């Protein structure tokens, strides 16, 4: 069992096993079986990109119990010599019109502000040269003592590279959401309809008024994996802590609902790559994938995406201090 800095809570049981459990478990002991089944994906009651709610069927698969940690990613880098996107100098031809001083290796880091601001401006992000998975806040920082924290500053290419090396895959959006719900269909949160049942914190999300008021004793940031109660399948941090990559290309809505059993999509794979581009951007068109789960920056007054149905587009070359991933293993 993976070492943790936070005490685990007992897993609750929910959901019905539909796909027979395979005889052989993956070599990674920290994977749990996610039974296949049909569920209501998306939501008609929150952000428009989550609609329409629609029935989807997925097959069973194994999933990492935790988001990938610094220790695990370090093992991959040591074995392969892999260099992440944030550690490479961007090529000018890939970013026409970019400010030259920004064409240096680095990544986006959250900067807590000192007073309320217009939430449309997103001026809490700073591109920091030298920031990457080894140096989360810049060249002077490190991950020493943080083996069990989720690895961050991970672009899509980085997550895919690790998954291939490990003999795994990244989940589709449907697989990820099905696993996060753990049999609790149509609930708002991964654990039910109350954000803090009986006052209990269920995930690492923002406390206070984003982006300036932090009511936690520590600065906003990722926490060690496994600090909060697992869901019904025994998965940790499927909500909050860090966003997680999926393989699906982003589109700004879900397909229409199909209620007849013959027409319910099985193991859907999302939009076409061409549909994922941001329509308001004319230069440096970069395709976007779907992120799931929200992060420690999600707050009641901003980005209420700490829900299984929530989704967010992210360009494949982007890495930040709140994006990580976890892997799956399909049985067929």
Foldseek 3Di string as FASTA:
>chain_A
DDDFPADFDDAAAADDADADDDPDDPPPPQKFKQHWAKAFFFPPPDDALRDDTAIATEHIWIWGQWFAFPQLLVVVCVVPVDDALLQDFDDCVLFPPDDVVLRARWAKEFAFDADDDDPVPPVRIDTEHQDAQQAPVHVVRGCVVRRQWHGFQHFQVNVQVSQVVSVFGFAALVVLLSVLCNNVHPAFANAHPDCQVVNHHAEQAADDDPPHDGPDPDDQAADGWNNGYGGNRSHTQLAARAWAFHQAFDASHDDDYDDDPVPHHYRDRYDDQVRQWDPVDDPSTATWTKIAHYYRHDDPVDNVRNHSSRIDIDGRSHTHRRYTHITMHGPD
